[in-house]
Amino acid sequence: MNLTKSSSTICFEADTIQSDLVVLAELYICMEELFHSPLTQKTLVHYISEWKTSGRSILWVSYIA
């Protein structure tokens, strides 16, 4: 069994990891923009107030910065 990798394979893997990290960072930015958008905030406030008035318990972690 040959466990060594060629430098071209390692370089390709590093490029793939870097590319995937860029995509992940872009997704994070999009999700953060979505969470902080006025419509999302308004919707969250609406649903939280409904939960509170219904008497049901809710686990809420504040994300609003």
C-alpha atoms as a PDB file:
ATOM      1  CA  MET A   1       0.000   0.000   0.000  1.00  0.00           C
ATOM      2  CA  ASN A   2       1.470   3.333  -1.052  1.00  0.00           C
ATOM      3  CA  LEU A   3       0.534   6.023   1.491  1.00  0.00           C
ATOM      4  CA  THR A   4       2.400   8.896  -0.123  1.00  0.00           C
ATOM      5  CA  LYS A   5       0.527  11.534  -2.062  1.00  0.00           C
ATOM      6  CA  SER A   6       1.887  13.463  -4.966  1.00  0.00           C
ATOM      7  CA  SER A   7       2.318  17.210  -4.574  1.00  0.00           C
ATOM      8  CA  SER A   8      -0.273  17.800  -7.301  1.00  0.00           C
ATOM      9  CA  THR A   9      -2.873  15.825  -5.315  1.00  0.00           C
ATOM     10  CA  ILE A  10      -2.114  17.766  -2.139  1.00  0.00           C
ATOM     11  CA  CYS A  11      -2.281  21.048  -4.052  1.00  0.00           C
ATOM     12  CA  PHE A  12      -5.639  20.049  -5.557  1.00  0.00           C
ATOM     13  CA  GLU A  13      -6.985  19.150  -2.120  1.00  0.00           C
ATOM     14  CA  ALA A  14      -5.805  22.481  -0.686  1.00  0.00           C
ATOM     15  CA  ASP A  15      -7.461  24.346  -3.562  1.00  0.00           C
ATOM     16  CA  THR A  16     -10.684  22.415  -2.991  1.00  0.00           C
ATOM     17  CA  ILE A  17     -10.639  23.168   0.733  1.00  0.00           C
ATOM     18  CA  GLN A  18      -9.937  26.841   0.089  1.00  0.00           C
ATOM     19  CA  SER A  19     -12.732  27.032  -2.481  1.00  0.00           C
ATOM     20  CA  ASP A  20     -15.168  25.329  -0.107  1.00  0.00           C
ATOM     21  CA  LEU A  21     -14.213  27.730   2.695  1.00  0.00           C
ATOM     22  CA  VAL A  22     -14.919  30.698   0.424  1.00  0.00           C
ATOM     23  CA  VAL A  23     -18.363  29.279  -0.364  1.00  0.00           C
ATOM     24  CA  LEU A  24     -18.994  28.684   3.339  1.00  0.00           C
ATOM     25  CA  ALA A  25     -17.989  32.273   4.163  1.00  0.00           C
ATOM     26  CA  GLU A  26     -20.335  33.598   1.464  1.00  0.00           C
ATOM     27  CA  LEU A  27     -23.174  31.476   2.869  1.00  0.00           C
ATOM     28  CA  TYR A  28     -22.463  32.792   6.369  1.00  0.00           C
ATOM     29  CA  ILE A  29     -22.632  36.398   5.140  1.00  0.00           C
ATOM     30  CA  CYS A  30     -25.924  35.733   3.334  1.00  0.00           C
ATOM     31  CA  MET A  31     -27.454  34.115   6.417  1.00  0.00           C
ATOM     32  CA  GLU A  32     -26.275  36.961   8.643  1.00  0.00           C
ATOM     33  CA  GLU A  33     -27.846  39.496   6.257  1.00  0.00           C
ATOM     34  CA  LEU A  34     -31.065  37.472   6.286  1.00  0.00           C
ATOM     35  CA  PHE A  35     -31.163  37.307  10.094  1.00  0.00           C
ATOM     36  CA  HIS A  36     -30.597  41.042  10.394  1.00  0.00           C
ATOM     37  CA  SER A  37     -33.063  42.096   7.698  1.00  0.00           C
ATOM     38  CA  PRO A  38     -36.006  44.183   8.927  1.00  0.00           C
ATOM     39  CA  LEU A  39     -38.578  41.719   7.586  1.00  0.00           C
ATOM     40  CA  THR A  40     -36.943  38.779   9.359  1.00  0.00           C
ATOM     41  CA  GLN A  41     -36.733  40.735  12.608  1.00  0.00           C
ATOM     42  CA  LYS A  42     -40.391  41.746  12.309  1.00  0.00           C
ATOM     43  CA  THR A  43     -41.412  38.146  11.646  1.00  0.00           C
ATOM     44  CA  LEU A  44     -39.404  36.856  14.602  1.00  0.00           C
ATOM     45  CA  VAL A  45     -40.955  39.424  16.930  1.00  0.00           C
ATOM     46  CA  HIS A  46     -44.418  38.431  15.668  1.00  0.00           C
ATOM     47  CA  TYR A  47     -43.889  34.714  16.260  1.00  0.00           C
ATOM     48  CA  ILE A  48     -42.243  35.251  19.638  1.00  0.00           C
ATOM     49  CA  SER A  49     -45.191  37.343  20.804  1.00  0.00           C
ATOM     50  CA  GLU A  50     -47.590  34.626  19.587  1.00  0.00           C
ATOM     51  CA  TRP A  51     -45.660  31.991  21.531  1.00  0.00           C
ATOM     52  CA  LYS A  52     -45.666  34.129  24.667  1.00  0.00           C
ATOM     53  CA  THR A  53     -49.413  34.785  24.510  1.00  0.00           C
ATOM     54  CA  SER A  54     -50.197  31.130  23.785  1.00  0.00           C
ATOM     55  CA  GLY A  55     -48.675  30.047  27.093  1.00  0.00           C
ATOM     56  CA  ARG A  56     -46.303  27.620  25.411  1.00  0.00           C
ATOM     57  CA  SER A  57     -42.702  27.588  26.456  1.00  0.00           C
ATOM     58  CA  ILE A  58     -40.046  28.557  23.953  1.00  0.00           C
ATOM     59  CA  LEU A  59     -36.310  28.267  24.029  1.00  0.00           C
ATOM     60  CA  TRP A  60     -34.986  31.514  22.622  1.00  0.00           C
ATOM     61  CA  VAL A  61     -31.372  32.427  22.094  1.00  0.00           C
ATOM     62  CA  SER A  62     -30.939  36.097  21.301  1.00  0.00           C
ATOM     63  CA  TYR A  63     -29.020  36.651  18.096  1.00  0.00           C
ATOM     64  CA  ILE A  64     -29.912  40.291  17.573  1.00  0.00           C
ATOM     65  CA  ALA A  65     -26.686  42.298  17.646  1.00  0.00           C
END
